[in-house]
Amino acid sequence: MTDIKHKSFFVFSKDLYPTSEAKPLSEWCPEMTPEILQKKIDAIQTNLTIDSKNTTKHKRTLISAPDDRISARNVGLVGVVVIFLVVFVIVSFDFINIFQIFRNKRPGIKVD
């Protein structure tokens, strides 16, 4: 593991900012071993990690907001009617073709 060094500076006057040489962490804090430090880093990471699927922001993206305006309801109704008419026209052509095939196969009925 890499040796952790800490650098600090001490202020003696307003005009002068001397800096100290970098020291290993063991000199600044002798009870802080690399193992203890790694455990603390791991604990901080697990405490700060958030599952993005459990946030309220993510939940709001899955739920539509209600819209009680009359214009919004009317636009929705027009959309439903247009989709229904398109499906009805396509299905009605199929029913007409099926009816004509069924009518031509019955004996005794002639279609000109």
PDB file of N, CA and C in Angstrom:
ATOM      1  N   MET A   1       0.846  -1.182   0.000  1.00  0.00           N
ATOM      2  CA  MET A   1       0.000   0.000   0.000  1.00  0.00           C
ATOM      3  C   MET A   1       0.882   1.232   0.000  1.00  0.00           C
ATOM      4  N   THR A   2       0.422   2.266  -0.646  1.00  0.00           N
ATOM      5  CA  THR A   2       1.209   3.488  -0.749  1.00  0.00           C
ATOM      6  C   THR A   2       1.250   4.214   0.588  1.00  0.00           C
ATOM      7  N   ASP A   3       2.352   4.847   0.819  1.00  0.00           N
ATOM      8  CA  ASP A   3       2.494   5.605   2.050  1.00  0.00           C
ATOM      9  C   ASP A   3       1.739   6.921   1.889  1.00  0.00           C
ATOM     10  N   ILE A   4       0.850   7.228   2.818  1.00  0.00           N
ATOM     11  CA  ILE A   4       0.039   8.440   2.746  1.00  0.00           C
ATOM     12  C   ILE A   4       0.822   9.568   3.389  1.00  0.00           C
ATOM     13  N   LYS A   5       0.922  10.674   2.681  1.00  0.00           N
ATOM     14  CA  LYS A   5       1.654  11.826   3.201  1.00  0.00           C
ATOM     15  C   LYS A   5       0.686  12.989   3.356  1.00  0.00           C
ATOM     16  N   HIS A   6       0.933  13.810   4.326  1.00  0.00           N
ATOM     17  CA  HIS A   6       0.088  14.956   4.588  1.00  0.00           C
ATOM     18  C   HIS A   6       0.955  16.195   4.570  1.00  0.00           C
ATOM     19  N   LYS A   7       0.479  17.228   3.892  1.00  0.00           N
ATOM     20  CA  LYS A   7       1.244  18.466   3.817  1.00  0.00           C
ATOM     21  C   LYS A   7       0.392  19.577   4.423  1.00  0.00           C
ATOM     22  N   SER A   8       0.998  20.394   5.248  1.00  0.00           N
ATOM     23  CA  SER A   8       0.256  21.484   5.866  1.00  0.00           C
ATOM     24  C   SER A   8       1.124  22.730   5.872  1.00  0.00           C
ATOM     25  N   PHE A   9       0.492  23.839   6.175  1.00  0.00           N
ATOM     26  CA  PHE A   9       1.268  25.062   6.297  1.00  0.00           C
ATOM     27  C   PHE A   9       0.856  25.766   7.589  1.00  0.00           C
ATOM     28  N   PHE A  10       1.783  26.548   8.128  1.00  0.00           N
ATOM     29  CA  PHE A  10       1.544  27.257   9.374  1.00  0.00           C
ATOM     30  C   PHE A  10       1.683  28.747   9.109  1.00  0.00           C
ATOM     31  N   VAL A  11       0.795  29.527   9.686  1.00  0.00           N
ATOM     32  CA  VAL A  11       0.809  30.973   9.477  1.00  0.00           C
ATOM     33  C   VAL A  11       1.453  31.624  10.703  1.00  0.00           C
ATOM     34  N   PHE A  12       2.554  32.334  10.445  1.00  0.00           N
ATOM     35  CA  PHE A  12       3.235  33.028  11.537  1.00  0.00           C
ATOM     36  C   PHE A  12       2.932  34.518  11.503  1.00  0.00           C
ATOM     37  N   SER A  13       2.724  35.048  10.329  1.00  0.00           N
ATOM     38  CA  SER A  13       2.412  36.466  10.211  1.00  0.00           C
ATOM     39  C   SER A  13       1.517  36.657   8.994  1.00  0.00           C
ATOM     40  N   LYS A  14       1.023  37.880   8.794  1.00  0.00           N
ATOM     41  CA  LYS A  14       0.142  38.142   7.670  1.00  0.00           C
ATOM     42  C   LYS A  14       0.879  38.065   6.336  1.00  0.00           C
ATOM     43  N   ASP A  15       2.151  38.361   6.337  1.00  0.00           N
ATOM     44  CA  ASP A  15       2.898  38.432   5.082  1.00  0.00           C
ATOM     45  C   ASP A  15       3.616  37.140   4.731  1.00  0.00           C
ATOM     46  N   LEU A  16       3.829  36.277   5.685  1.00  0.00           N
ATOM     47  CA  LEU A  16       4.664  35.109   5.455  1.00  0.00           C
ATOM     48  C   LEU A  16       3.857  33.829   5.647  1.00  0.00           C
ATOM     49  N   TYR A  17       3.888  32.938   4.679  1.00  0.00           N
ATOM     50  CA  TYR A  17       3.188  31.647   4.748  1.00  0.00           C
ATOM     51  C   TYR A  17       4.177  30.517   4.502  1.00  0.00           C
ATOM     52  N   PRO A  18       4.950  30.155   5.517  1.00  0.00           N
ATOM     53  CA  PRO A  18       5.893  29.048   5.298  1.00  0.00           C
ATOM     54  C   PRO A  18       5.152  27.704   5.257  1.00  0.00           C
ATOM     55  N   THR A  19       5.649  26.805   4.489  1.00  0.00           N
ATOM     56  CA  THR A  19       5.051  25.478   4.408  1.00  0.00           C
ATOM     57  C   THR A  19       5.999  24.465   5.011  1.00  0.00           C
ATOM     58  N   SER A  20       5.436  23.401   5.518  1.00  0.00           N
ATOM     59  CA  SER A  20       6.263  22.342   6.077  1.00  0.00           C
ATOM     60  C   SER A  20       6.463  21.270   5.018  1.00  0.00           C
ATOM     61  N   GLU A  21       7.422  20.443   5.239  1.00  0.00           N
ATOM     62  CA  GLU A  21       7.682  19.337   4.318  1.00  0.00           C
ATOM     63  C   GLU A  21       6.606  18.264   4.494  1.00  0.00           C
ATOM     64  N   ALA A  22       6.383  17.503   3.445  1.00  0.00           N
ATOM     65  CA  ALA A  22       5.389  16.436   3.513  1.00  0.00           C
ATOM     66  C   ALA A  22       5.866  15.356   4.473  1.00  0.00           C
ATOM     67  N   LYS A  23       4.958  14.930   5.350  1.00  0.00           N
ATOM     68  CA  LYS A  23       5.275  13.874   6.306  1.00  0.00           C
ATOM     69  C   LYS A  23       4.350  12.693   6.056  1.00  0.00           C
ATOM     70  N   PRO A  24       4.784  11.501   6.383  1.00  0.00           N
ATOM     71  CA  PRO A  24       3.877  10.363   6.290  1.00  0.00           C
ATOM     72  C   PRO A  24       2.756  10.492   7.329  1.00  0.00           C
ATOM     73  N   LEU A  25       1.648   9.871   7.039  1.00  0.00           N
ATOM     74  CA  LEU A  25       0.495   9.931   7.934  1.00  0.00           C
ATOM     75  C   LEU A  25       0.825   9.367   9.313  1.00  0.00           C
ATOM     76  N   SER A  26       1.701   8.384   9.348  1.00  0.00           N
ATOM     77  CA  SER A  26       2.040   7.772  10.638  1.00  0.00           C
ATOM     78  C   SER A  26       2.711   8.774  11.584  1.00  0.00           C
ATOM     79  N   GLU A  27       3.356   9.802  11.068  1.00  0.00           N
ATOM     80  CA  GLU A  27       3.960  10.822  11.934  1.00  0.00           C
ATOM     81  C   GLU A  27       2.918  11.821  12.417  1.00  0.00           C
ATOM     82  N   TRP A  28       1.917  12.105  11.608  1.00  0.00           N
ATOM     83  CA  TRP A  28       0.867  13.038  11.995  1.00  0.00           C
ATOM     84  C   TRP A  28      -0.117  12.373  12.951  1.00  0.00           C
ATOM     85  N   CYS A  29      -0.455  11.136  12.657  1.00  0.00           N
ATOM     86  CA  CYS A  29      -1.463  10.430  13.444  1.00  0.00           C
ATOM     87  C   CYS A  29      -0.985   8.988  13.609  1.00  0.00           C
ATOM     88  N   PRO A  30      -0.206   8.694  14.650  1.00  0.00           N
ATOM     89  CA  PRO A  30       0.411   7.372  14.760  1.00  0.00           C
ATOM     90  C   PRO A  30      -0.587   6.224  14.935  1.00  0.00           C
ATOM     91  N   GLU A  31      -1.767   6.490  15.495  1.00  0.00           N
ATOM     92  CA  GLU A  31      -2.720   5.392  15.692  1.00  0.00           C
ATOM     93  C   GLU A  31      -3.483   5.046  14.409  1.00  0.00           C
ATOM     94  N   MET A  32      -3.311   5.818  13.340  1.00  0.00           N
ATOM     95  CA  MET A  32      -4.024   5.578  12.090  1.00  0.00           C
ATOM     96  C   MET A  32      -3.153   4.696  11.189  1.00  0.00           C
ATOM     97  N   THR A  33      -3.435   3.413  11.201  1.00  0.00           N
ATOM     98  CA  THR A  33      -2.702   2.484  10.347  1.00  0.00           C
ATOM     99  C   THR A  33      -3.388   2.413   8.985  1.00  0.00           C
ATOM    100  N   PRO A  34      -2.705   1.934   7.959  1.00  0.00           N
ATOM    101  CA  PRO A  34      -3.346   1.828   6.639  1.00  0.00           C
ATOM    102  C   PRO A  34      -4.591   0.938   6.647  1.00  0.00           C
ATOM    103  N   GLU A  35      -4.606  -0.091   7.492  1.00  0.00           N
ATOM    104  CA  GLU A  35      -5.778  -0.971   7.561  1.00  0.00           C
ATOM    105  C   GLU A  35      -6.988  -0.231   8.143  1.00  0.00           C
ATOM    106  N   ILE A  36      -6.752   0.520   9.221  1.00  0.00           N
ATOM    107  CA  ILE A  36      -7.834   1.285   9.840  1.00  0.00           C
ATOM    108  C   ILE A  36      -8.335   2.348   8.865  1.00  0.00           C
ATOM    109  N   LEU A  37      -7.392   2.987   8.181  1.00  0.00           N
ATOM    110  CA  LEU A  37      -7.772   4.007   7.208  1.00  0.00           C
ATOM    111  C   LEU A  37      -8.609   3.407   6.079  1.00  0.00           C
ATOM    112  N   GLN A  38      -8.216   2.240   5.584  1.00  0.00           N
ATOM    113  CA  GLN A  38      -8.971   1.589   4.515  1.00  0.00           C
ATOM    114  C   GLN A  38     -10.373   1.200   4.991  1.00  0.00           C
ATOM    115  N   LYS A  39     -10.483   0.739   6.242  1.00  0.00           N
ATOM    116  CA  LYS A  39     -11.800   0.411   6.794  1.00  0.00           C
ATOM    117  C   LYS A  39     -12.688   1.651   6.871  1.00  0.00           C
ATOM    118  N   LYS A  40     -12.099   2.768   7.283  1.00  0.00           N
ATOM    119  CA  LYS A  40     -12.871   4.011   7.359  1.00  0.00           C
ATOM    120  C   LYS A  40     -13.298   4.476   5.970  1.00  0.00           C
ATOM    121  N   ILE A  41     -12.422   4.349   4.997  1.00  0.00           N
ATOM    122  CA  ILE A  41     -12.764   4.725   3.618  1.00  0.00           C
ATOM    123  C   ILE A  41     -13.885   3.849   3.095  1.00  0.00           C
ATOM    124  N   ASP A  42     -13.799   2.549   3.347  1.00  0.00           N
ATOM    125  CA  ASP A  42     -14.856   1.627   2.902  1.00  0.00           C
ATOM    126  C   ASP A  42     -16.188   1.944   3.578  1.00  0.00           C
ATOM    127  N   ALA A  43     -16.144   2.259   4.876  1.00  0.00           N
ATOM    128  CA  ALA A  43     -17.374   2.589   5.594  1.00  0.00           C
ATOM    129  C   ALA A  43     -17.997   3.867   5.040  1.00  0.00           C
ATOM    130  N   ILE A  44     -17.178   4.855   4.736  1.00  0.00           N
ATOM    131  CA  ILE A  44     -17.690   6.109   4.168  1.00  0.00           C
ATOM    132  C   ILE A  44     -18.305   5.851   2.795  1.00  0.00           C
ATOM    133  N   GLN A  45     -17.639   5.039   1.981  1.00  0.00           N
ATOM    134  CA  GLN A  45     -18.166   4.747   0.645  1.00  0.00           C
ATOM    135  C   GLN A  45     -19.494   4.006   0.716  1.00  0.00           C
ATOM    136  N   THR A  46     -19.621   3.043   1.630  1.00  0.00           N
ATOM    137  CA  THR A  46     -20.889   2.316   1.723  1.00  0.00           C
ATOM    138  C   THR A  46     -22.000   3.205   2.274  1.00  0.00           C
ATOM    139  N   ASN A  47     -21.663   4.131   3.170  1.00  0.00           N
ATOM    140  CA  ASN A  47     -22.676   5.040   3.707  1.00  0.00           C
ATOM    141  C   ASN A  47     -23.104   6.092   2.697  1.00  0.00           C
ATOM    142  N   LEU A  48     -22.226   6.456   1.781  1.00  0.00           N
ATOM    143  CA  LEU A  48     -22.543   7.496   0.809  1.00  0.00           C
ATOM    144  C   LEU A  48     -23.102   6.936  -0.499  1.00  0.00           C
ATOM    145  N   THR A  49     -23.019   5.641  -0.702  1.00  0.00           N
ATOM    146  CA  THR A  49     -23.517   5.054  -1.933  1.00  0.00           C
ATOM    147  C   THR A  49     -25.031   4.913  -1.855  1.00  0.00           C
ATOM    148  N   ILE A  50     -25.706   5.394  -2.919  1.00  0.00           N
ATOM    149  CA  ILE A  50     -27.170   5.369  -2.958  1.00  0.00           C
ATOM    150  C   ILE A  50     -27.604   4.556  -4.174  1.00  0.00           C
ATOM    151  N   ASP A  51     -28.576   3.682  -3.960  1.00  0.00           N
ATOM    152  CA  ASP A  51     -29.145   2.920  -5.067  1.00  0.00           C
ATOM    153  C   ASP A  51     -30.037   3.857  -5.870  1.00  0.00           C
ATOM    154  N   SER A  52     -29.697   4.095  -7.128  1.00  0.00           N
ATOM    155  CA  SER A  52     -30.434   5.077  -7.928  1.00  0.00           C
ATOM    156  C   SER A  52     -31.856   4.634  -8.241  1.00  0.00           C
ATOM    157  N   LYS A  53     -32.157   3.352  -8.120  1.00  0.00           N
ATOM    158  CA  LYS A  53     -33.511   2.867  -8.402  1.00  0.00           C
ATOM    159  C   LYS A  53     -34.467   3.124  -7.230  1.00  0.00           C
ATOM    160  N   ASN A  54     -33.946   3.464  -6.058  1.00  0.00           N
ATOM    161  CA  ASN A  54     -34.793   3.686  -4.889  1.00  0.00           C
ATOM    162  C   ASN A  54     -34.972   5.160  -4.554  1.00  0.00           C
ATOM    163  N   THR A  55     -34.528   6.052  -5.424  1.00  0.00           N
ATOM    164  CA  THR A  55     -34.678   7.469  -5.147  1.00  0.00           C
ATOM    165  C   THR A  55     -36.049   7.954  -5.596  1.00  0.00           C
ATOM    166  N   THR A  56     -36.522   9.022  -4.985  1.00  0.00           N
ATOM    167  CA  THR A  56     -37.818   9.578  -5.384  1.00  0.00           C
ATOM    168  C   THR A  56     -37.744  10.176  -6.786  1.00  0.00           C
ATOM    169  N   LYS A  57     -36.582  10.627  -7.188  1.00  0.00           N
ATOM    170  CA  LYS A  57     -36.425  11.160  -8.546  1.00  0.00           C
ATOM    171  C   LYS A  57     -36.704  10.070  -9.570  1.00  0.00           C
ATOM    172  N   HIS A  58     -36.171   8.884  -9.345  1.00  0.00           N
ATOM    173  CA  HIS A  58     -36.410   7.771 -10.269  1.00  0.00           C
ATOM    174  C   HIS A  58     -37.871   7.347 -10.237  1.00  0.00           C
ATOM    175  N   LYS A  59     -38.471   7.316  -9.056  1.00  0.00           N
ATOM    176  CA  LYS A  59     -39.877   6.926  -8.944  1.00  0.00           C
ATOM    177  C   LYS A  59     -40.787   7.926  -9.652  1.00  0.00           C
ATOM    178  N   ARG A  60     -40.441   9.213  -9.609  1.00  0.00           N
ATOM    179  CA  ARG A  60     -41.252  10.220 -10.298  1.00  0.00           C
ATOM    180  C   ARG A  60     -41.184  10.060 -11.808  1.00  0.00           C
ATOM    181  N   THR A  61     -40.083   9.511 -12.333  1.00  0.00           N
ATOM    182  CA  THR A  61     -40.005   9.302 -13.783  1.00  0.00           C
ATOM    183  C   THR A  61     -40.919   8.181 -14.236  1.00  0.00           C
ATOM    184  N   LEU A  62     -41.369   7.321 -13.331  1.00  0.00           N
ATOM    185  CA  LEU A  62     -42.219   6.195 -13.691  1.00  0.00           C
ATOM    186  C   LEU A  62     -43.709   6.492 -13.527  1.00  0.00           C
ATOM    187  N   ILE A  63     -44.056   7.603 -12.906  1.00  0.00           N
ATOM    188  CA  ILE A  63     -45.450   7.911 -12.604  1.00  0.00           C
ATOM    189  C   ILE A  63     -45.847   9.178 -13.360  1.00  0.00           C
ATOM    190  N   SER A  64     -46.974   9.111 -14.082  1.00  0.00           N
ATOM    191  CA  SER A  64     -47.476  10.282 -14.787  1.00  0.00           C
ATOM    192  C   SER A  64     -48.175  11.220 -13.815  1.00  0.00           C
ATOM    193  N   ALA A  65     -47.999  12.496 -14.059  1.00  0.00           N
ATOM    194  CA  ALA A  65     -48.673  13.483 -13.226  1.00  0.00           C
ATOM    195  C   ALA A  65     -50.102  13.660 -13.732  1.00  0.00           C
ATOM    196  N   PRO A  66     -51.070  13.768 -12.842  1.00  0.00           N
ATOM    197  CA  PRO A  66     -52.458  13.958 -13.290  1.00  0.00           C
ATOM    198  C   PRO A  66     -52.630  15.331 -13.920  1.00  0.00           C
ATOM    199  N   ASP A  67     -53.457  15.391 -14.959  1.00  0.00           N
ATOM    200  CA  ASP A  67     -53.736  16.645 -15.638  1.00  0.00           C
ATOM    201  C   ASP A  67     -55.249  16.778 -15.754  1.00  0.00           C
ATOM    202  N   ASP A  68     -55.842  17.639 -14.948  1.00  0.00           N
ATOM    203  CA  ASP A  68     -57.286  17.770 -14.877  1.00  0.00           C
ATOM    204  C   ASP A  68     -57.851  18.842 -15.813  1.00  0.00           C
ATOM    205  N   ARG A  69     -57.032  19.385 -16.708  1.00  0.00           N
ATOM    206  CA  ARG A  69     -57.536  20.418 -17.611  1.00  0.00           C
ATOM    207  C   ARG A  69     -58.485  19.807 -18.639  1.00  0.00           C
ATOM    208  N   ILE A  70     -59.488  20.571 -19.026  1.00  0.00           N
ATOM    209  CA  ILE A  70     -60.469  20.107 -20.009  1.00  0.00           C
ATOM    210  C   ILE A  70     -59.802  19.920 -21.364  1.00  0.00           C
ATOM    211  N   SER A  71     -58.885  20.806 -21.728  1.00  0.00           N
ATOM    212  CA  SER A  71     -58.217  20.694 -23.032  1.00  0.00           C
ATOM    213  C   SER A  71     -57.384  19.423 -23.105  1.00  0.00           C
ATOM    214  N   ALA A  72     -56.735  19.053 -22.024  1.00  0.00           N
ATOM    215  CA  ALA A  72     -55.941  17.824 -22.027  1.00  0.00           C
ATOM    216  C   ALA A  72     -56.836  16.605 -22.179  1.00  0.00           C
ATOM    217  N   ARG A  73     -57.988  16.615 -21.526  1.00  0.00           N
ATOM    218  CA  ARG A  73     -58.923  15.499 -21.655  1.00  0.00           C
ATOM    219  C   ARG A  73     -59.463  15.405 -23.082  1.00  0.00           C
ATOM    220  N   ASN A  74     -59.782  16.562 -23.687  1.00  0.00           N
ATOM    221  CA  ASN A  74     -60.303  16.568 -25.053  1.00  0.00           C
ATOM    222  C   ASN A  74     -59.267  16.079 -26.061  1.00  0.00           C
ATOM    223  N   VAL A  75     -58.027  16.474 -25.889  1.00  0.00           N
ATOM    224  CA  VAL A  75     -56.967  16.001 -26.788  1.00  0.00           C
ATOM    225  C   VAL A  75     -56.824  14.486 -26.660  1.00  0.00           C
ATOM    226  N   GLY A  76     -56.914  13.968 -25.460  1.00  0.00           N
ATOM    227  CA  GLY A  76     -56.842  12.519 -25.259  1.00  0.00           C
ATOM    228  C   GLY A  76     -58.005  11.800 -25.915  1.00  0.00           C
ATOM    229  N   LEU A  77     -59.197  12.356 -25.799  1.00  0.00           N
ATOM    230  CA  LEU A  77     -60.364  11.742 -26.434  1.00  0.00           C
ATOM    231  C   LEU A  77     -60.248  11.749 -27.956  1.00  0.00           C
ATOM    232  N   VAL A  78     -59.762  12.838 -28.522  1.00  0.00           N
ATOM    233  CA  VAL A  78     -59.559  12.902 -29.976  1.00  0.00           C
ATOM    234  C   VAL A  78     -58.547  11.853 -30.401  1.00  0.00           C
ATOM    235  N   GLY A  79     -57.495  11.675 -29.645  1.00  0.00           N
ATOM    236  CA  GLY A  79     -56.499  10.657 -29.960  1.00  0.00           C
ATOM    237  C   GLY A  79     -57.084   9.258 -29.934  1.00  0.00           C
ATOM    238  N   VAL A  80     -57.920   8.967 -28.932  1.00  0.00           N
ATOM    239  CA  VAL A  80     -58.551   7.652 -28.841  1.00  0.00           C
ATOM    240  C   VAL A  80     -59.487   7.427 -30.021  1.00  0.00           C
ATOM    241  N   VAL A  81     -60.254   8.441 -30.389  1.00  0.00           N
ATOM    242  CA  VAL A  81     -61.182   8.316 -31.521  1.00  0.00           C
ATOM    243  C   VAL A  81     -60.425   8.076 -32.821  1.00  0.00           C
ATOM    244  N   VAL A  82     -59.349   8.804 -33.059  1.00  0.00           N
ATOM    245  CA  VAL A  82     -58.563   8.639 -34.294  1.00  0.00           C
ATOM    246  C   VAL A  82     -57.978   7.227 -34.356  1.00  0.00           C
ATOM    247  N   ILE A  83     -57.409   6.746 -33.265  1.00  0.00           N
ATOM    248  CA  ILE A  83     -56.846   5.387 -33.261  1.00  0.00           C
ATOM    249  C   ILE A  83     -57.949   4.355 -33.492  1.00  0.00           C
ATOM    250  N   PHE A  84     -59.114   4.539 -32.850  1.00  0.00           N
ATOM    251  CA  PHE A  84     -60.222   3.609 -33.034  1.00  0.00           C
ATOM    252  C   PHE A  84     -60.694   3.598 -34.488  1.00  0.00           C
ATOM    253  N   LEU A  85     -60.801   4.777 -35.108  1.00  0.00           N
ATOM    254  CA  LEU A  85     -61.258   4.838 -36.507  1.00  0.00           C
ATOM    255  C   LEU A  85     -60.284   4.143 -37.450  1.00  0.00           C
ATOM    256  N   VAL A  86     -58.996   4.329 -37.249  1.00  0.00           N
ATOM    257  CA  VAL A  86     -57.999   3.678 -38.102  1.00  0.00           C
ATOM    258  C   VAL A  86     -58.106   2.165 -37.967  1.00  0.00           C
ATOM    259  N   VAL A  87     -58.183   1.669 -36.750  1.00  0.00           N
ATOM    260  CA  VAL A  87     -58.303   0.227 -36.538  1.00  0.00           C
ATOM    261  C   VAL A  87     -59.621  -0.289 -37.107  1.00  0.00           C
ATOM    262  N   PHE A  88     -60.713   0.467 -36.936  1.00  0.00           N
ATOM    263  CA  PHE A  88     -62.024   0.052 -37.439  1.00  0.00           C
ATOM    264  C   PHE A  88     -62.022  -0.045 -38.965  1.00  0.00           C
ATOM    265  N   VAL A  89     -61.407   0.919 -39.642  1.00  0.00           N
ATOM    266  CA  VAL A  89     -61.359   0.892 -41.115  1.00  0.00           C
ATOM    267  C   VAL A  89     -60.572  -0.317 -41.600  1.00  0.00           C
ATOM    268  N   ILE A  90     -59.438  -0.592 -41.000  1.00  0.00           N
ATOM    269  CA  ILE A  90     -58.624  -1.738 -41.426  1.00  0.00           C
ATOM    270  C   ILE A  90     -59.373  -3.042 -41.179  1.00  0.00           C
ATOM    271  N   VAL A  91     -59.980  -3.185 -40.021  1.00  0.00           N
ATOM    272  CA  VAL A  91     -60.700  -4.413 -39.695  1.00  0.00           C
ATOM    273  C   VAL A  91     -61.944  -4.565 -40.559  1.00  0.00           C
ATOM    274  N   SER A  92     -62.622  -3.447 -40.873  1.00  0.00           N
ATOM    275  CA  SER A  92     -63.843  -3.545 -41.703  1.00  0.00           C
ATOM    276  C   SER A  92     -63.509  -4.024 -43.121  1.00  0.00           C
ATOM    277  N   PHE A  93     -62.380  -3.597 -43.669  1.00  0.00           N
ATOM    278  CA  PHE A  93     -61.982  -4.114 -44.992  1.00  0.00           C
ATOM    279  C   PHE A  93     -61.743  -5.614 -44.927  1.00  0.00           C
ATOM    280  N   ASP A  94     -61.149  -6.086 -43.846  1.00  0.00           N
ATOM    281  CA  ASP A  94     -60.933  -7.529 -43.703  1.00  0.00           C
ATOM    282  C   ASP A  94     -62.266  -8.258 -43.582  1.00  0.00           C
ATOM    283  N   PHE A  95     -63.213  -7.708 -42.839  1.00  0.00           N
ATOM    284  CA  PHE A  95     -64.523  -8.353 -42.711  1.00  0.00           C
ATOM    285  C   PHE A  95     -65.273  -8.382 -44.040  1.00  0.00           C
ATOM    286  N   ILE A  96     -65.146  -7.320 -44.820  1.00  0.00           N
ATOM    287  CA  ILE A  96     -65.793  -7.299 -46.137  1.00  0.00           C
ATOM    288  C   ILE A  96     -65.214  -8.396 -47.018  1.00  0.00           C
ATOM    289  N   ASN A  97     -63.898  -8.535 -47.016  1.00  0.00           N
ATOM    290  CA  ASN A  97     -63.264  -9.588 -47.825  1.00  0.00           C
ATOM    291  C   ASN A  97     -63.670 -10.974 -47.341  1.00  0.00           C
ATOM    292  N   ILE A  98     -63.716 -11.191 -46.050  1.00  0.00           N
ATOM    293  CA  ILE A  98     -64.112 -12.496 -45.502  1.00  0.00           C
ATOM    294  C   ILE A  98     -65.569 -12.791 -45.837  1.00  0.00           C
ATOM    295  N   PHE A  99     -66.436 -11.786 -45.734  1.00  0.00           N
ATOM    296  CA  PHE A  99     -67.848 -11.977 -46.068  1.00  0.00           C
ATOM    297  C   PHE A  99     -68.031 -12.336 -47.545  1.00  0.00           C
ATOM    298  N   GLN A 100     -67.266 -11.676 -48.432  1.00  0.00           N
ATOM    299  CA  GLN A 100     -67.377 -11.976 -49.861  1.00  0.00           C
ATOM    300  C   GLN A 100     -66.873 -13.384 -50.161  1.00  0.00           C
ATOM    301  N   ILE A 101     -65.811 -13.832 -49.538  1.00  0.00           N
ATOM    302  CA  ILE A 101     -65.303 -15.189 -49.760  1.00  0.00           C
ATOM    303  C   ILE A 101     -66.310 -16.199 -49.246  1.00  0.00           C
ATOM    304  N   PHE A 102     -66.877 -15.958 -48.084  1.00  0.00           N
ATOM    305  CA  PHE A 102     -67.875 -16.861 -47.510  1.00  0.00           C
ATOM    306  C   PHE A 102     -69.130 -16.911 -48.389  1.00  0.00           C
ATOM    307  N   ARG A 103     -69.539 -15.789 -48.913  1.00  0.00           N
ATOM    308  CA  ARG A 103     -70.729 -15.704 -49.742  1.00  0.00           C
ATOM    309  C   ARG A 103     -70.538 -16.432 -51.076  1.00  0.00           C
ATOM    310  N   ASN A 104     -69.331 -16.362 -51.651  1.00  0.00           N
ATOM    311  CA  ASN A 104     -69.061 -17.008 -52.934  1.00  0.00           C
ATOM    312  C   ASN A 104     -68.964 -18.520 -52.792  1.00  0.00           C
ATOM    313  N   LYS A 105     -68.614 -19.042 -51.634  1.00  0.00           N
ATOM    314  CA  LYS A 105     -68.440 -20.487 -51.454  1.00  0.00           C
ATOM    315  C   LYS A 105     -69.738 -21.177 -51.120  1.00  0.00           C
ATOM    316  N   ARG A 106     -70.792 -20.469 -50.751  1.00  0.00           N
ATOM    317  CA  ARG A 106     -72.066 -21.110 -50.430  1.00  0.00           C
ATOM    318  C   ARG A 106     -72.771 -21.530 -51.713  1.00  0.00           C
ATOM    319  N   PRO A 107     -73.263 -22.733 -51.774  1.00  0.00           N
ATOM    320  CA  PRO A 107     -73.943 -23.164 -52.984  1.00  0.00           C
ATOM    321  C   PRO A 107     -75.317 -22.514 -53.110  1.00  0.00           C
ATOM    322  N   GLY A 108     -75.706 -22.229 -54.332  1.00  0.00           N
ATOM    323  CA  GLY A 108     -77.021 -21.682 -54.609  1.00  0.00           C
ATOM    324  C   GLY A 108     -77.063 -20.186 -54.631  1.00  0.00           C
ATOM    325  N   ILE A 109     -76.010 -19.489 -54.201  1.00  0.00           N
ATOM    326  CA  ILE A 109     -75.983 -18.024 -54.229  1.00  0.00           C
ATOM    327  C   ILE A 109     -74.964 -17.607 -55.247  1.00  0.00           C
ATOM    328  N   LYS A 110     -75.404 -16.797 -56.221  1.00  0.00           N
ATOM    329  CA  LYS A 110     -74.520 -16.325 -57.263  1.00  0.00           C
ATOM    330  C   LYS A 110     -74.300 -14.822 -57.098  1.00  0.00           C
ATOM    331  N   VAL A 111     -73.066 -14.444 -57.218  1.00  0.00           N
ATOM    332  CA  VAL A 111     -72.734 -13.024 -57.110  1.00  0.00           C
ATOM    333  C   VAL A 111     -72.209 -12.596 -58.458  1.00  0.00           C
ATOM    334  N   ASP A 112     -72.761 -11.524 -59.015  1.00  0.00           N
ATOM    335  CA  ASP A 112     -72.330 -11.043 -60.336  1.00  0.00           C
ATOM    336  C   ASP A 112     -71.044 -10.299 -60.279  1.00  0.00           C
TER     337      ASP A 112
END
